[in-house]
Amino acid sequence: MMDGILNINKPRGITSHDVILQVRRIFRMKKVGHTGTLDPEATGVLITCLGKATKAVRFLTNHDKEYEGVMVLGVSTDTQDSSGRILREVDKLHVSEAEIMEAANRFQGEIEQIPPMVSAVHHQGRRLYQLARQGKVVERTPRKVKISFKILKVELPRVRFSIVCSKGTYVRTICADMGEALGCGAHQAELTRIRSGPFHIKHSVSLEQLREAPHPENFLSACEPYMHK
């Protein structure tokens, strides 16, 4: 059995579990796990642990994460991202770049965030997304998260941003809350995880590279340095 950590660049359009299934097939082993789910439409760093390295998952999950993404102002959806049903759409935006920058300043440091209904958070033994599929909406307890939020480029209605955040942060909720703060609504249109703890996208490997490599085990990193962090 091969043990180690893979820094995988997840493509858009598949789930994190799909990635795990592909890694199992490539390495012909069952003991594979990841350290933090990415939504199907999101891309970027998905840390995957094989064999004995799965013992490091609980340590690696707690690392902060860095993302770059795009929000679209003026359109709100029921999932807070582009995969959802449109709930509200404004005819014309009346938002300045200065107002966007000012709103972004409210999302700094420790804040409270309500998890979206379309999430894996548990409620009375069931996942919220399972309830959402049945058309149910339940009260959720706000969570404290730490974030550093920065606007990179404004090309209305699109706003490119970067964010460094603690475990359990929902970036699409930040986008939706930004839209509410600006009075126009918003949703997350694109998201890429740039970094998870010490693992950066610059050093990631694609699933295609793994499939084509004669020795995919060469992409594995040792797990020992991360076992007790």
C-alpha atoms as a PDB file:
ATOM      1  CA  MET A   1       0.000   0.000   0.000  1.00  0.00           C
ATOM      2  CA  MET A   2       1.236   3.497  -0.865  1.00  0.00           C
ATOM      3  CA  ASP A   3       1.093   6.164   1.845  1.00  0.00           C
ATOM      4  CA  GLY A   4       1.293   9.903   1.301  1.00  0.00           C
ATOM      5  CA  ILE A   5      -0.428  13.170   0.458  1.00  0.00           C
ATOM      6  CA  LEU A   6      -1.536  14.397  -2.957  1.00  0.00           C
ATOM      7  CA  ASN A   7      -2.051  18.084  -3.749  1.00  0.00           C
ATOM      8  CA  ILE A   8      -4.705  17.745  -6.468  1.00  0.00           C
ATOM      9  CA  ASN A   9      -6.000  20.573  -8.643  1.00  0.00           C
ATOM     10  CA  LYS A  10      -9.703  19.692  -8.766  1.00  0.00           C
ATOM     11  CA  PRO A  11     -11.379  20.508 -12.099  1.00  0.00           C
ATOM     12  CA  ARG A  12     -14.752  22.192 -12.386  1.00  0.00           C
ATOM     13  CA  GLY A  13     -17.890  20.088 -12.718  1.00  0.00           C
ATOM     14  CA  ILE A  14     -17.115  17.130 -10.453  1.00  0.00           C
ATOM     15  CA  THR A  15     -17.528  16.581  -6.722  1.00  0.00           C
ATOM     16  CA  SER A  16     -14.715  16.114  -4.231  1.00  0.00           C
ATOM     17  CA  HIS A  17     -15.949  12.534  -3.783  1.00  0.00           C
ATOM     18  CA  ASP A  18     -15.563  11.996  -7.542  1.00  0.00           C
ATOM     19  CA  VAL A  19     -11.901  12.938  -7.126  1.00  0.00           C
ATOM     20  CA  ILE A  20     -11.512  10.385  -4.342  1.00  0.00           C
ATOM     21  CA  LEU A  21     -13.054   7.668  -6.522  1.00  0.00           C
ATOM     22  CA  GLN A  22     -10.639   8.459  -9.358  1.00  0.00           C
ATOM     23  CA  VAL A  23      -7.629   8.433  -7.031  1.00  0.00           C
ATOM     24  CA  ARG A  24      -8.725   5.049  -5.677  1.00  0.00           C
ATOM     25  CA  ARG A  25      -8.819   3.664  -9.208  1.00  0.00           C
ATOM     26  CA  ILE A  26      -5.470   5.174 -10.206  1.00  0.00           C
ATOM     27  CA  PHE A  27      -3.666   3.833  -7.124  1.00  0.00           C
ATOM     28  CA  ARG A  28      -5.821   0.695  -6.823  1.00  0.00           C
ATOM     29  CA  MET A  29      -6.507   1.241  -3.126  1.00  0.00           C
ATOM     30  CA  LYS A  30      -9.536   2.013  -0.979  1.00  0.00           C
ATOM     31  CA  LYS A  31      -8.044   3.960   1.922  1.00  0.00           C
ATOM     32  CA  VAL A  32      -8.233   7.495   0.499  1.00  0.00           C
ATOM     33  CA  GLY A  33      -9.700  10.673   2.007  1.00  0.00           C
ATOM     34  CA  HIS A  34      -9.591  14.443   1.570  1.00  0.00           C
ATOM     35  CA  THR A  35      -9.170  17.350   4.008  1.00  0.00           C
ATOM     36  CA  GLY A  36     -11.914  19.755   2.941  1.00  0.00           C
ATOM     37  CA  THR A  37     -14.727  19.596   0.394  1.00  0.00           C
ATOM     38  CA  LEU A  38     -14.816  21.796  -2.686  1.00  0.00           C
ATOM     39  CA  ASP A  39     -18.194  22.428  -4.344  1.00  0.00           C
ATOM     40  CA  PRO A  40     -18.642  20.834  -7.803  1.00  0.00           C
ATOM     41  CA  GLU A  41     -18.329  24.213  -9.554  1.00  0.00           C
ATOM     42  CA  ALA A  42     -15.212  25.186  -7.589  1.00  0.00           C
ATOM     43  CA  THR A  43     -11.665  24.361  -8.664  1.00  0.00           C
ATOM     44  CA  GLY A  44      -8.236  24.222  -7.094  1.00  0.00           C
ATOM     45  CA  VAL A  45      -6.382  22.610  -4.217  1.00  0.00           C
ATOM     46  CA  LEU A  46      -7.959  19.440  -2.825  1.00  0.00           C
ATOM     47  CA  ILE A  47      -5.586  17.738  -0.401  1.00  0.00           C
ATOM     48  CA  THR A  48      -5.994  13.971  -0.681  1.00  0.00           C
ATOM     49  CA  CYS A  49      -4.475  11.466   1.748  1.00  0.00           C
ATOM     50  CA  LEU A  50      -3.656   7.853   0.918  1.00  0.00           C
ATOM     51  CA  GLY A  51      -3.066   4.878   3.194  1.00  0.00           C
ATOM     52  CA  LYS A  52      -1.538   5.730   6.572  1.00  0.00           C
ATOM     53  CA  ALA A  53      -1.611   9.418   5.618  1.00  0.00           C
ATOM     54  CA  THR A  54      -5.378   9.420   6.237  1.00  0.00           C
ATOM     55  CA  LYS A  55      -4.429   9.733   9.924  1.00  0.00           C
ATOM     56  CA  ALA A  56      -3.230  13.264   9.093  1.00  0.00           C
ATOM     57  CA  VAL A  57      -6.627  14.375   7.766  1.00  0.00           C
ATOM     58  CA  ARG A  58      -7.806  15.691  11.146  1.00  0.00           C
ATOM     59  CA  PHE A  59      -4.675  17.858  11.429  1.00  0.00           C
ATOM     60  CA  LEU A  60      -4.719  19.165   7.860  1.00  0.00           C
ATOM     61  CA  THR A  61      -8.440  20.026   7.979  1.00  0.00           C
ATOM     62  CA  ASN A  62      -7.775  22.801  10.505  1.00  0.00           C
ATOM     63  CA  HIS A  63      -5.462  24.800   8.239  1.00  0.00           C
ATOM     64  CA  ASP A  64      -6.598  28.159   6.902  1.00  0.00           C
ATOM     65  CA  LYS A  65      -7.439  28.332   3.204  1.00  0.00           C
ATOM     66  CA  GLU A  66      -6.963  30.923   0.476  1.00  0.00           C
ATOM     67  CA  TYR A  67      -9.287  31.464  -2.472  1.00  0.00           C
ATOM     68  CA  GLU A  68      -9.719  33.685  -5.509  1.00  0.00           C
ATOM     69  CA  GLY A  69     -13.133  34.079  -7.039  1.00  0.00           C
ATOM     70  CA  VAL A  70     -15.705  36.183  -8.826  1.00  0.00           C
ATOM     71  CA  MET A  71     -19.040  37.391  -7.509  1.00  0.00           C
ATOM     72  CA  VAL A  72     -21.784  38.787  -9.692  1.00  0.00           C
ATOM     73  CA  LEU A  73     -23.705  41.712  -8.220  1.00  0.00           C
ATOM     74  CA  GLY A  74     -27.382  42.199  -8.864  1.00  0.00           C
ATOM     75  CA  VAL A  75     -28.368  38.513  -9.004  1.00  0.00           C
ATOM     76  CA  SER A  76     -29.227  36.386  -5.950  1.00  0.00           C
ATOM     77  CA  THR A  77     -29.719  32.600  -6.111  1.00  0.00           C
ATOM     78  CA  ASP A  78     -31.076  29.998  -3.707  1.00  0.00           C
ATOM     79  CA  THR A  79     -27.680  28.268  -3.486  1.00  0.00           C
ATOM     80  CA  GLN A  80     -25.657  31.508  -3.312  1.00  0.00           C
ATOM     81  CA  ASP A  81     -23.711  30.417  -6.395  1.00  0.00           C
ATOM     82  CA  SER A  82     -24.284  30.131 -10.155  1.00  0.00           C
ATOM     83  CA  SER A  83     -25.747  26.618  -9.912  1.00  0.00           C
ATOM     84  CA  GLY A  84     -28.891  27.808  -8.164  1.00  0.00           C
ATOM     85  CA  ARG A  85     -32.301  29.174  -9.064  1.00  0.00           C
ATOM     86  CA  ILE A  86     -32.454  32.949  -9.433  1.00  0.00           C
ATOM     87  CA  LEU A  87     -34.398  34.524  -6.581  1.00  0.00           C
ATOM     88  CA  ARG A  88     -33.825  38.190  -7.354  1.00  0.00           C
ATOM     89  CA  GLU A  89     -32.357  40.183 -10.211  1.00  0.00           C
ATOM     90  CA  VAL A  90     -32.063  43.964 -10.346  1.00  0.00           C
ATOM     91  CA  ASP A  91     -32.680  45.772 -13.631  1.00  0.00           C
ATOM     92  CA  LYS A  92     -29.816  48.214 -13.215  1.00  0.00           C
ATOM     93  CA  LEU A  93     -26.952  48.367 -10.750  1.00  0.00           C
ATOM     94  CA  HIS A  94     -26.455  51.584  -8.831  1.00  0.00           C
ATOM     95  CA  VAL A  95     -23.289  50.629  -6.984  1.00  0.00           C
ATOM     96  CA  SER A  96     -19.941  52.423  -7.147  1.00  0.00           C
ATOM     97  CA  GLU A  97     -16.499  50.897  -6.752  1.00  0.00           C
ATOM     98  CA  ALA A  98     -16.018  52.972  -3.600  1.00  0.00           C
ATOM     99  CA  GLU A  99     -19.184  51.467  -2.089  1.00  0.00           C
ATOM    100  CA  ILE A 100     -17.959  47.959  -2.926  1.00  0.00           C
ATOM    101  CA  MET A 101     -14.626  48.627  -1.238  1.00  0.00           C
ATOM    102  CA  GLU A 102     -16.399  50.041   1.808  1.00  0.00           C
ATOM    103  CA  ALA A 103     -18.677  46.989   2.053  1.00  0.00           C
ATOM    104  CA  ALA A 104     -15.672  44.667   1.785  1.00  0.00           C
ATOM    105  CA  ASN A 105     -14.172  46.316   4.872  1.00  0.00           C
ATOM    106  CA  ARG A 106     -17.063  44.934   6.921  1.00  0.00           C
ATOM    107  CA  PHE A 107     -15.896  41.402   6.165  1.00  0.00           C
ATOM    108  CA  GLN A 108     -12.579  41.414   7.988  1.00  0.00           C
ATOM    109  CA  GLY A 109     -11.356  39.589  11.065  1.00  0.00           C
ATOM    110  CA  GLU A 110     -13.736  37.514  13.161  1.00  0.00           C
ATOM    111  CA  ILE A 111     -17.319  37.588  11.911  1.00  0.00           C
ATOM    112  CA  GLU A 112     -20.475  35.522  12.368  1.00  0.00           C
ATOM    113  CA  GLN A 113     -21.760  33.573   9.377  1.00  0.00           C
ATOM    114  CA  ILE A 114     -24.955  31.567   8.908  1.00  0.00           C
ATOM    115  CA  PRO A 115     -24.266  28.347   6.942  1.00  0.00           C
ATOM    116  CA  PRO A 116     -26.264  28.112   3.691  1.00  0.00           C
ATOM    117  CA  MET A 117     -29.070  25.555   3.368  1.00  0.00           C
ATOM    118  CA  VAL A 118     -27.147  23.910   0.539  1.00  0.00           C
ATOM    119  CA  SER A 119     -24.279  22.746   2.756  1.00  0.00           C
ATOM    120  CA  ALA A 120     -23.081  19.617   4.530  1.00  0.00           C
ATOM    121  CA  VAL A 121     -23.774  20.968   8.024  1.00  0.00           C
ATOM    122  CA  HIS A 122     -25.798  18.556  10.176  1.00  0.00           C
ATOM    123  CA  HIS A 123     -29.264  19.403  11.513  1.00  0.00           C
ATOM    124  CA  GLN A 124     -30.955  16.800  13.720  1.00  0.00           C
ATOM    125  CA  GLY A 125     -28.987  13.982  12.122  1.00  0.00           C
ATOM    126  CA  ARG A 126     -29.425  15.094   8.521  1.00  0.00           C
ATOM    127  CA  ARG A 127     -27.338  17.223   6.166  1.00  0.00           C
ATOM    128  CA  LEU A 128     -28.758  20.652   5.362  1.00  0.00           C
ATOM    129  CA  TYR A 129     -28.508  20.013   1.618  1.00  0.00           C
ATOM    130  CA  GLN A 130     -30.732  16.944   2.039  1.00  0.00           C
ATOM    131  CA  LEU A 131     -33.396  19.109   3.656  1.00  0.00           C
ATOM    132  CA  ALA A 132     -32.944  21.783   0.975  1.00  0.00           C
ATOM    133  CA  ARG A 133     -33.659  19.211  -1.740  1.00  0.00           C
ATOM    134  CA  GLN A 134     -37.030  18.650  -0.077  1.00  0.00           C
ATOM    135  CA  GLY A 135     -37.736  22.371  -0.165  1.00  0.00           C
ATOM    136  CA  LYS A 136     -37.243  22.757   3.581  1.00  0.00           C
ATOM    137  CA  VAL A 137     -35.579  25.717   5.269  1.00  0.00           C
ATOM    138  CA  VAL A 138     -34.518  25.404   8.917  1.00  0.00           C
ATOM    139  CA  GLU A 139     -33.013  27.819  11.388  1.00  0.00           C
ATOM    140  CA  ARG A 140     -29.219  27.635  11.443  1.00  0.00           C
ATOM    141  CA  THR A 141     -26.880  28.673  14.244  1.00  0.00           C
ATOM    142  CA  PRO A 142     -24.377  31.388  13.253  1.00  0.00           C
ATOM    143  CA  ARG A 143     -20.734  30.346  13.306  1.00  0.00           C
ATOM    144  CA  LYS A 144     -17.699  32.461  14.080  1.00  0.00           C
ATOM    145  CA  VAL A 145     -15.092  32.469  11.312  1.00  0.00           C
ATOM    146  CA  LYS A 146     -11.980  34.522  10.627  1.00  0.00           C
ATOM    147  CA  ILE A 147     -11.436  36.069   7.215  1.00  0.00           C
ATOM    148  CA  SER A 148      -9.247  38.516   5.335  1.00  0.00           C
ATOM    149  CA  PHE A 149     -11.207  39.761   2.320  1.00  0.00           C
ATOM    150  CA  LYS A 150      -9.774  41.815  -0.562  1.00  0.00           C
ATOM    151  CA  ILE A 151     -11.295  43.209  -3.760  1.00  0.00           C
ATOM    152  CA  LEU A 152      -8.940  42.622  -6.712  1.00  0.00           C
ATOM    153  CA  LYS A 153     -10.883  44.022  -9.684  1.00  0.00           C
ATOM    154  CA  VAL A 154     -14.267  45.592 -10.360  1.00  0.00           C
ATOM    155  CA  GLU A 155     -15.878  45.154 -13.781  1.00  0.00           C
ATOM    156  CA  LEU A 156     -19.569  45.465 -12.954  1.00  0.00           C
ATOM    157  CA  PRO A 157     -21.508  43.339 -12.465  1.00  0.00           C
ATOM    158  CA  ARG A 158     -18.468  41.092 -11.867  1.00  0.00           C
ATOM    159  CA  VAL A 159     -16.175  41.628  -8.890  1.00  0.00           C
ATOM    160  CA  ARG A 160     -12.980  39.589  -8.544  1.00  0.00           C
ATOM    161  CA  PHE A 161     -11.796  39.010  -4.979  1.00  0.00           C
ATOM    162  CA  SER A 162      -9.371  37.056  -2.819  1.00  0.00           C
ATOM    163  CA  ILE A 163     -10.015  35.694   0.648  1.00  0.00           C
ATOM    164  CA  VAL A 164      -8.009  33.927   3.336  1.00  0.00           C
ATOM    165  CA  CYS A 165     -10.303  32.221   5.825  1.00  0.00           C
ATOM    166  CA  SER A 166     -10.519  29.781   8.695  1.00  0.00           C
ATOM    167  CA  LYS A 167     -11.988  26.295   8.650  1.00  0.00           C
ATOM    168  CA  GLY A 168     -15.728  26.132   7.992  1.00  0.00           C
ATOM    169  CA  THR A 169     -16.063  29.412   6.093  1.00  0.00           C
ATOM    170  CA  TYR A 170     -18.570  29.471   3.213  1.00  0.00           C
ATOM    171  CA  VAL A 171     -17.205  31.845   0.579  1.00  0.00           C
ATOM    172  CA  ARG A 172     -20.484  31.906  -1.364  1.00  0.00           C
ATOM    173  CA  THR A 173     -22.188  33.143   1.806  1.00  0.00           C
ATOM    174  CA  ILE A 174     -19.661  35.981   1.963  1.00  0.00           C
ATOM    175  CA  CYS A 175     -20.672  36.889  -1.616  1.00  0.00           C
ATOM    176  CA  ALA A 176     -24.387  36.750  -0.768  1.00  0.00           C
ATOM    177  CA  ASP A 177     -23.870  38.822   2.383  1.00  0.00           C
ATOM    178  CA  MET A 178     -21.841  41.366   0.408  1.00  0.00           C
ATOM    179  CA  GLY A 179     -24.739  41.687  -2.020  1.00  0.00           C
ATOM    180  CA  GLU A 180     -27.161  42.259   0.862  1.00  0.00           C
ATOM    181  CA  ALA A 181     -24.845  44.874   2.365  1.00  0.00           C
ATOM    182  CA  LEU A 182     -24.829  46.697  -0.988  1.00  0.00           C
ATOM    183  CA  GLY A 183     -28.602  46.376  -1.346  1.00  0.00           C
ATOM    184  CA  CYS A 184     -28.466  44.661  -4.729  1.00  0.00           C
ATOM    185  CA  GLY A 185     -27.877  40.982  -3.990  1.00  0.00           C
ATOM    186  CA  ALA A 186     -25.007  38.868  -5.315  1.00  0.00           C
ATOM    187  CA  HIS A 187     -23.858  35.319  -5.920  1.00  0.00           C
ATOM    188  CA  GLN A 188     -20.571  33.472  -6.327  1.00  0.00           C
ATOM    189  CA  ALA A 189     -19.853  32.834 -10.010  1.00  0.00           C
ATOM    190  CA  GLU A 190     -16.327  31.391  -9.828  1.00  0.00           C
ATOM    191  CA  LEU A 191     -14.102  30.045  -7.063  1.00  0.00           C
ATOM    192  CA  THR A 192     -10.596  28.581  -6.995  1.00  0.00           C
ATOM    193  CA  ARG A 193      -8.827  27.367  -3.873  1.00  0.00           C
ATOM    194  CA  ILE A 194      -5.312  28.735  -4.203  1.00  0.00           C
ATOM    195  CA  ARG A 195      -3.910  27.320  -0.986  1.00  0.00           C
ATOM    196  CA  SER A 196      -4.784  24.959   1.849  1.00  0.00           C
ATOM    197  CA  GLY A 197      -2.329  25.395   4.697  1.00  0.00           C
ATOM    198  CA  PRO A 198       1.169  24.847   3.250  1.00  0.00           C
ATOM    199  CA  PHE A 199      -0.138  23.320   0.001  1.00  0.00           C
ATOM    200  CA  HIS A 200      -0.271  25.779  -2.930  1.00  0.00           C
ATOM    201  CA  ILE A 201      -1.905  25.398  -6.319  1.00  0.00           C
ATOM    202  CA  LYS A 202       1.484  26.087  -7.966  1.00  0.00           C
ATOM    203  CA  HIS A 203       2.620  22.667  -6.780  1.00  0.00           C
ATOM    204  CA  SER A 204      -0.606  20.760  -7.483  1.00  0.00           C
ATOM    205  CA  VAL A 205      -1.157  17.897  -9.906  1.00  0.00           C
ATOM    206  CA  SER A 206      -4.147  17.312 -12.183  1.00  0.00           C
ATOM    207  CA  LEU A 207      -6.118  14.081 -12.374  1.00  0.00           C
ATOM    208  CA  GLU A 208      -5.049  13.792 -16.000  1.00  0.00           C
ATOM    209  CA  GLN A 209      -1.382  13.939 -14.983  1.00  0.00           C
ATOM    210  CA  LEU A 210      -1.977  11.208 -12.415  1.00  0.00           C
ATOM    211  CA  ARG A 211      -3.761   8.979 -14.940  1.00  0.00           C
ATOM    212  CA  GLU A 212      -1.029   9.368 -17.538  1.00  0.00           C
ATOM    213  CA  ALA A 213       1.955   9.035 -15.189  1.00  0.00           C
ATOM    214  CA  PRO A 214       3.774   5.665 -15.331  1.00  0.00           C
ATOM    215  CA  HIS A 215       4.546   6.094 -11.618  1.00  0.00           C
ATOM    216  CA  PRO A 216       1.828   8.276 -10.030  1.00  0.00           C
ATOM    217  CA  GLU A 217       3.290   7.519  -6.600  1.00  0.00           C
ATOM    218  CA  ASN A 218       6.066   9.989  -7.468  1.00  0.00           C
ATOM    219  CA  PHE A 219       3.561  12.803  -6.861  1.00  0.00           C
ATOM    220  CA  LEU A 220       3.009  11.743  -3.242  1.00  0.00           C
ATOM    221  CA  SER A 221       4.347  13.890  -0.401  1.00  0.00           C
ATOM    222  CA  ALA A 222       5.400  12.359   2.914  1.00  0.00           C
ATOM    223  CA  CYS A 223       2.741  12.599   5.611  1.00  0.00           C
ATOM    224  CA  GLU A 224       4.973  12.593   8.706  1.00  0.00           C
ATOM    225  CA  PRO A 225       5.566  16.379   8.850  1.00  0.00           C
ATOM    226  CA  TYR A 226       1.793  16.970   9.091  1.00  0.00           C
ATOM    227  CA  MET A 227       0.793  14.252  11.552  1.00  0.00           C
ATOM    228  CA  HIS A 228       0.890  16.404  14.710  1.00  0.00           C
ATOM    229  CA  LYS A 229       0.359  19.968  13.550  1.00  0.00           C
END
